């Protein structure tokens, strides 16, 4: 019996219990990649971890590019932000979520895999000193990759983070 799948299933079960509005999990691997949560569930999770969020439009409408929405965010993405907050000890302010207006793609904001974070010295130092530099992205943004495989791209005005998993939650 392998311990990691059991721990993953237990983690997801506990996260589901702690995150009202999340559906029933069918299996650790499937649910981990596809479990979507509501804006209310995500904000509850972020608030509990001391993570803030802001919106240039002061709104949370997923269909308005000036809003910051978490509607249809992947559970693993929300957990990844919580892991980053806990591991780094840095202030985290989310400036972009699942709202329209970001680049398209499989691992996109719209599909629940990405969050944008405001640039703070603490966060930048943590990312650059903890994760492996992997070079520039096609658009020139410098990238770092965590041991769990999540990618942190410095887009100049903010950090664009792609969460393939929860980062060891």
C-alpha atoms as a PDB file:
ATOM      1  CA  UNK A   1       0.000   0.000   0.000  1.00  0.00           C
ATOM      2  CA  UNK A   2       1.386   3.397  -0.959  1.00  0.00           C
ATOM      3  CA  UNK A   3       1.104   6.177   1.602  1.00  0.00           C
ATOM      4  CA  UNK A   4       1.006   9.165  -0.776  1.00  0.00           C
ATOM      5  CA  UNK A   5      -2.363   8.309  -2.448  1.00  0.00           C
ATOM      6  CA  UNK A   6      -3.882   7.712   0.970  1.00  0.00           C
ATOM      7  CA  UNK A   7      -2.571  11.046   2.254  1.00  0.00           C
ATOM      8  CA  UNK A   8      -3.841  12.809  -0.867  1.00  0.00           C
ATOM      9  CA  UNK A   9      -7.300  11.343  -0.415  1.00  0.00           C
ATOM     10  CA  UNK A  10      -7.306  12.250   3.278  1.00  0.00           C
ATOM     11  CA  UNK A  11      -6.161  15.797   2.500  1.00  0.00           C
ATOM     12  CA  UNK A  12      -8.925  16.227  -0.080  1.00  0.00           C
ATOM     13  CA  UNK A  13     -11.513  14.785   2.286  1.00  0.00           C
ATOM     14  CA  UNK A  14     -10.454  17.168   5.044  1.00  0.00           C
ATOM     15  CA  UNK A  15     -10.383  20.103   2.636  1.00  0.00           C
ATOM     16  CA  UNK A  16     -13.868  19.207   1.492  1.00  0.00           C
ATOM     17  CA  UNK A  17     -15.122  19.173   5.055  1.00  0.00           C
ATOM     18  CA  UNK A  18     -13.440  22.520   5.706  1.00  0.00           C
ATOM     19  CA  UNK A  19     -14.649  24.093   2.470  1.00  0.00           C
ATOM     20  CA  UNK A  20     -18.434  24.272   2.320  1.00  0.00           C
ATOM     21  CA  UNK A  21     -19.844  24.143  -1.178  1.00  0.00           C
ATOM     22  CA  UNK A  22     -17.316  21.653  -2.530  1.00  0.00           C
ATOM     23  CA  UNK A  23     -18.878  18.574  -4.130  1.00  0.00           C
ATOM     24  CA  UNK A  24     -18.386  14.956  -3.176  1.00  0.00           C
ATOM     25  CA  UNK A  25     -15.001  13.568  -4.172  1.00  0.00           C
ATOM     26  CA  UNK A  26     -14.932  10.484  -6.354  1.00  0.00           C
ATOM     27  CA  UNK A  27     -11.225   9.710  -6.213  1.00  0.00           C
ATOM     28  CA  UNK A  28      -8.027  11.471  -5.201  1.00  0.00           C
ATOM     29  CA  UNK A  29      -6.499  11.772  -8.660  1.00  0.00           C
ATOM     30  CA  UNK A  30      -9.656  12.740 -10.559  1.00  0.00           C
ATOM     31  CA  UNK A  31     -11.002  15.119  -7.928  1.00  0.00           C
ATOM     32  CA  UNK A  32      -7.657  16.764  -7.389  1.00  0.00           C
ATOM     33  CA  UNK A  33      -7.465  17.917 -10.991  1.00  0.00           C
ATOM     34  CA  UNK A  34     -11.125  18.772 -11.484  1.00  0.00           C
ATOM     35  CA  UNK A  35     -12.767  19.835  -8.225  1.00  0.00           C
ATOM     36  CA  UNK A  36     -14.031  23.372  -8.736  1.00  0.00           C
ATOM     37  CA  UNK A  37     -15.129  25.634  -5.915  1.00  0.00           C
ATOM     38  CA  UNK A  38     -17.329  28.692  -5.643  1.00  0.00           C
ATOM     39  CA  UNK A  39     -16.188  32.258  -5.091  1.00  0.00           C
ATOM     40  CA  UNK A  40     -17.652  32.115  -1.562  1.00  0.00           C
ATOM     41  CA  UNK A  41     -15.768  28.926  -0.712  1.00  0.00           C
ATOM     42  CA  UNK A  42     -12.479  30.325  -2.035  1.00  0.00           C
ATOM     43  CA  UNK A  43     -12.817  33.610  -0.143  1.00  0.00           C
ATOM     44  CA  UNK A  44     -13.622  31.674   3.024  1.00  0.00           C
ATOM     45  CA  UNK A  45     -10.484  29.563   2.567  1.00  0.00           C
ATOM     46  CA  UNK A  46      -8.337  32.631   1.827  1.00  0.00           C
ATOM     47  CA  UNK A  47      -9.743  34.596   4.750  1.00  0.00           C
ATOM     48  CA  UNK A  48      -9.010  31.670   7.106  1.00  0.00           C
ATOM     49  CA  UNK A  49      -5.365  31.691   5.937  1.00  0.00           C
ATOM     50  CA  UNK A  50      -4.883  35.455   6.112  1.00  0.00           C
ATOM     51  CA  UNK A  51      -4.755  35.865   2.329  1.00  0.00           C
ATOM     52  CA  UNK A  52      -6.280  39.057   0.965  1.00  0.00           C
ATOM     53  CA  UNK A  53      -7.577  39.868  -2.503  1.00  0.00           C
ATOM     54  CA  UNK A  54      -8.223  43.057  -4.394  1.00  0.00           C
ATOM     55  CA  UNK A  55      -9.924  44.102  -7.597  1.00  0.00           C
ATOM     56  CA  UNK A  56      -9.314  47.159  -9.741  1.00  0.00           C
ATOM     57  CA  UNK A  57     -13.070  47.258 -10.360  1.00  0.00           C
ATOM     58  CA  UNK A  58     -14.029  46.518  -6.756  1.00  0.00           C
ATOM     59  CA  UNK A  59     -16.077  43.492  -7.868  1.00  0.00           C
ATOM     60  CA  UNK A  60     -16.084  39.707  -8.245  1.00  0.00           C
ATOM     61  CA  UNK A  61     -17.992  39.140 -11.513  1.00  0.00           C
ATOM     62  CA  UNK A  62     -16.242  36.353 -13.467  1.00  0.00           C
ATOM     63  CA  UNK A  63     -17.335  37.907 -16.770  1.00  0.00           C
ATOM     64  CA  UNK A  64     -15.878  41.356 -16.030  1.00  0.00           C
ATOM     65  CA  UNK A  65     -12.112  41.691 -16.635  1.00  0.00           C
ATOM     66  CA  UNK A  66     -11.757  44.484 -14.034  1.00  0.00           C
ATOM     67  CA  UNK A  67     -13.062  42.181 -11.274  1.00  0.00           C
ATOM     68  CA  UNK A  68     -11.221  39.528  -9.277  1.00  0.00           C
ATOM     69  CA  UNK A  69     -13.284  36.347  -9.260  1.00  0.00           C
ATOM     70  CA  UNK A  70     -12.665  32.909  -7.777  1.00  0.00           C
ATOM     71  CA  UNK A  71     -15.774  31.294  -9.291  1.00  0.00           C
ATOM     72  CA  UNK A  72     -14.793  27.875 -10.701  1.00  0.00           C
ATOM     73  CA  UNK A  73     -11.319  28.020  -9.116  1.00  0.00           C
ATOM     74  CA  UNK A  74      -9.711  24.597  -8.739  1.00  0.00           C
ATOM     75  CA  UNK A  75      -9.618  23.431  -5.136  1.00  0.00           C
ATOM     76  CA  UNK A  76      -5.923  22.573  -5.559  1.00  0.00           C
ATOM     77  CA  UNK A  77      -5.236  26.171  -6.676  1.00  0.00           C
ATOM     78  CA  UNK A  78      -6.869  27.610  -3.556  1.00  0.00           C
ATOM     79  CA  UNK A  79      -4.967  25.110  -1.421  1.00  0.00           C
ATOM     80  CA  UNK A  80      -1.770  26.002  -3.269  1.00  0.00           C
ATOM     81  CA  UNK A  81      -2.201  29.654  -2.288  1.00  0.00           C
ATOM     82  CA  UNK A  82      -2.755  28.551   1.314  1.00  0.00           C
ATOM     83  CA  UNK A  83       0.413  26.435   1.143  1.00  0.00           C
ATOM     84  CA  UNK A  84       2.388  29.391  -0.263  1.00  0.00           C
ATOM     85  CA  UNK A  85       1.133  31.658   2.516  1.00  0.00           C
ATOM     86  CA  UNK A  86       1.964  29.122   5.213  1.00  0.00           C
ATOM     87  CA  UNK A  87       5.380  28.159   3.833  1.00  0.00           C
ATOM     88  CA  UNK A  88       6.559  31.687   3.008  1.00  0.00           C
ATOM     89  CA  UNK A  89       5.090  33.594   5.941  1.00  0.00           C
ATOM     90  CA  UNK A  90       4.644  36.482   3.494  1.00  0.00           C
ATOM     91  CA  UNK A  91       1.634  38.689   2.949  1.00  0.00           C
ATOM     92  CA  UNK A  92      -0.339  37.503  -0.070  1.00  0.00           C
ATOM     93  CA  UNK A  93      -2.767  39.702  -1.981  1.00  0.00           C
ATOM     94  CA  UNK A  94      -4.506  38.059  -4.940  1.00  0.00           C
ATOM     95  CA  UNK A  95      -5.070  40.485  -7.804  1.00  0.00           C
ATOM     96  CA  UNK A  96      -6.283  38.047 -10.460  1.00  0.00           C
ATOM     97  CA  UNK A  97      -8.350  34.886 -10.403  1.00  0.00           C
ATOM     98  CA  UNK A  98     -10.734  33.189 -12.797  1.00  0.00           C
ATOM     99  CA  UNK A  99     -12.200  36.313 -14.388  1.00  0.00           C
ATOM    100  CA  UNK A 100     -12.168  36.847 -18.137  1.00  0.00           C
ATOM    101  CA  UNK A 101      -9.402  38.889 -19.710  1.00  0.00           C
ATOM    102  CA  UNK A 102      -6.403  36.620 -19.108  1.00  0.00           C
ATOM    103  CA  UNK A 103      -4.608  34.516 -21.722  1.00  0.00           C
ATOM    104  CA  UNK A 104      -6.436  31.363 -22.829  1.00  0.00           C
ATOM    105  CA  UNK A 105      -5.152  27.814 -22.536  1.00  0.00           C
ATOM    106  CA  UNK A 106      -5.604  24.571 -20.684  1.00  0.00           C
ATOM    107  CA  UNK A 107      -3.763  25.755 -17.559  1.00  0.00           C
ATOM    108  CA  UNK A 108      -5.309  29.218 -17.588  1.00  0.00           C
ATOM    109  CA  UNK A 109      -6.916  31.598 -15.134  1.00  0.00           C
ATOM    110  CA  UNK A 110     -10.342  30.891 -16.650  1.00  0.00           C
ATOM    111  CA  UNK A 111      -9.883  27.126 -16.148  1.00  0.00           C
ATOM    112  CA  UNK A 112      -9.004  27.631 -12.482  1.00  0.00           C
ATOM    113  CA  UNK A 113      -5.272  26.865 -12.541  1.00  0.00           C
ATOM    114  CA  UNK A 114      -3.810  30.359 -12.076  1.00  0.00           C
ATOM    115  CA  UNK A 115      -3.756  33.179  -9.575  1.00  0.00           C
ATOM    116  CA  UNK A 116      -1.998  36.538  -9.763  1.00  0.00           C
ATOM    117  CA  UNK A 117      -0.340  37.907  -6.619  1.00  0.00           C
ATOM    118  CA  UNK A 118       0.721  41.460  -5.879  1.00  0.00           C
ATOM    119  CA  UNK A 119       4.495  41.882  -5.820  1.00  0.00           C
ATOM    120  CA  UNK A 120       5.909  42.251  -2.340  1.00  0.00           C
ATOM    121  CA  UNK A 121       9.611  42.001  -1.463  1.00  0.00           C
ATOM    122  CA  UNK A 122       8.980  39.112   0.947  1.00  0.00           C
ATOM    123  CA  UNK A 123       7.169  37.026  -1.664  1.00  0.00           C
ATOM    124  CA  UNK A 124       9.706  37.683  -4.419  1.00  0.00           C
ATOM    125  CA  UNK A 125      12.600  36.825  -2.130  1.00  0.00           C
ATOM    126  CA  UNK A 126      10.892  33.628  -1.013  1.00  0.00           C
ATOM    127  CA  UNK A 127      10.154  32.482  -4.577  1.00  0.00           C
ATOM    128  CA  UNK A 128      13.645  33.265  -5.889  1.00  0.00           C
ATOM    129  CA  UNK A 129      15.455  31.708  -2.903  1.00  0.00           C
ATOM    130  CA  UNK A 130      13.266  28.607  -2.565  1.00  0.00           C
ATOM    131  CA  UNK A 131      12.333  27.490  -6.063  1.00  0.00           C
ATOM    132  CA  UNK A 132      14.439  26.566  -9.084  1.00  0.00           C
ATOM    133  CA  UNK A 133      14.902  29.175 -11.809  1.00  0.00           C
ATOM    134  CA  UNK A 134      13.768  27.620 -15.111  1.00  0.00           C
ATOM    135  CA  UNK A 135      14.291  30.510 -17.525  1.00  0.00           C
ATOM    136  CA  UNK A 136      12.031  32.896 -19.383  1.00  0.00           C
ATOM    137  CA  UNK A 137       8.565  32.051 -20.630  1.00  0.00           C
ATOM    138  CA  UNK A 138       7.700  32.681 -24.295  1.00  0.00           C
ATOM    139  CA  UNK A 139       6.611  36.235 -23.427  1.00  0.00           C
ATOM    140  CA  UNK A 140       9.868  36.927 -21.562  1.00  0.00           C
ATOM    141  CA  UNK A 141       8.524  36.554 -18.004  1.00  0.00           C
ATOM    142  CA  UNK A 142      11.175  34.921 -15.794  1.00  0.00           C
ATOM    143  CA  UNK A 143      10.014  31.672 -14.162  1.00  0.00           C
ATOM    144  CA  UNK A 144      10.710  29.598 -11.072  1.00  0.00           C
ATOM    145  CA  UNK A 145       9.431  26.085 -10.433  1.00  0.00           C
ATOM    146  CA  UNK A 146       8.613  24.624  -7.034  1.00  0.00           C
ATOM    147  CA  UNK A 147       9.525  21.084  -6.049  1.00  0.00           C
ATOM    148  CA  UNK A 148       5.880  20.114  -6.512  1.00  0.00           C
ATOM    149  CA  UNK A 149       5.874  21.440 -10.094  1.00  0.00           C
ATOM    150  CA  UNK A 150       3.959  24.705  -9.719  1.00  0.00           C
ATOM    151  CA  UNK A 151       5.338  27.583 -11.797  1.00  0.00           C
ATOM    152  CA  UNK A 152       5.849  31.176 -10.605  1.00  0.00           C
ATOM    153  CA  UNK A 153       6.272  33.763 -13.378  1.00  0.00           C
ATOM    154  CA  UNK A 154       7.391  37.329 -12.722  1.00  0.00           C
ATOM    155  CA  UNK A 155       5.198  39.389 -15.041  1.00  0.00           C
ATOM    156  CA  UNK A 156       6.661  42.698 -13.871  1.00  0.00           C
ATOM    157  CA  UNK A 157       3.678  44.138 -12.022  1.00  0.00           C
ATOM    158  CA  UNK A 158       2.654  40.859 -10.338  1.00  0.00           C
ATOM    159  CA  UNK A 159       3.420  37.159  -9.892  1.00  0.00           C
ATOM    160  CA  UNK A 160       1.471  34.840 -12.211  1.00  0.00           C
ATOM    161  CA  UNK A 161       1.308  31.409 -10.569  1.00  0.00           C
ATOM    162  CA  UNK A 162       0.216  28.194 -12.269  1.00  0.00           C
ATOM    163  CA  UNK A 163      -0.941  25.577  -9.779  1.00  0.00           C
ATOM    164  CA  UNK A 164      -0.798  22.046 -11.129  1.00  0.00           C
ATOM    165  CA  UNK A 165      -1.349  20.794  -7.573  1.00  0.00           C
ATOM    166  CA  UNK A 166      -1.721  22.133  -4.042  1.00  0.00           C
ATOM    167  CA  UNK A 167       2.021  22.403  -3.441  1.00  0.00           C
ATOM    168  CA  UNK A 168       2.232  19.788  -0.733  1.00  0.00           C
ATOM    169  CA  UNK A 169      -0.830  20.773   1.263  1.00  0.00           C
END
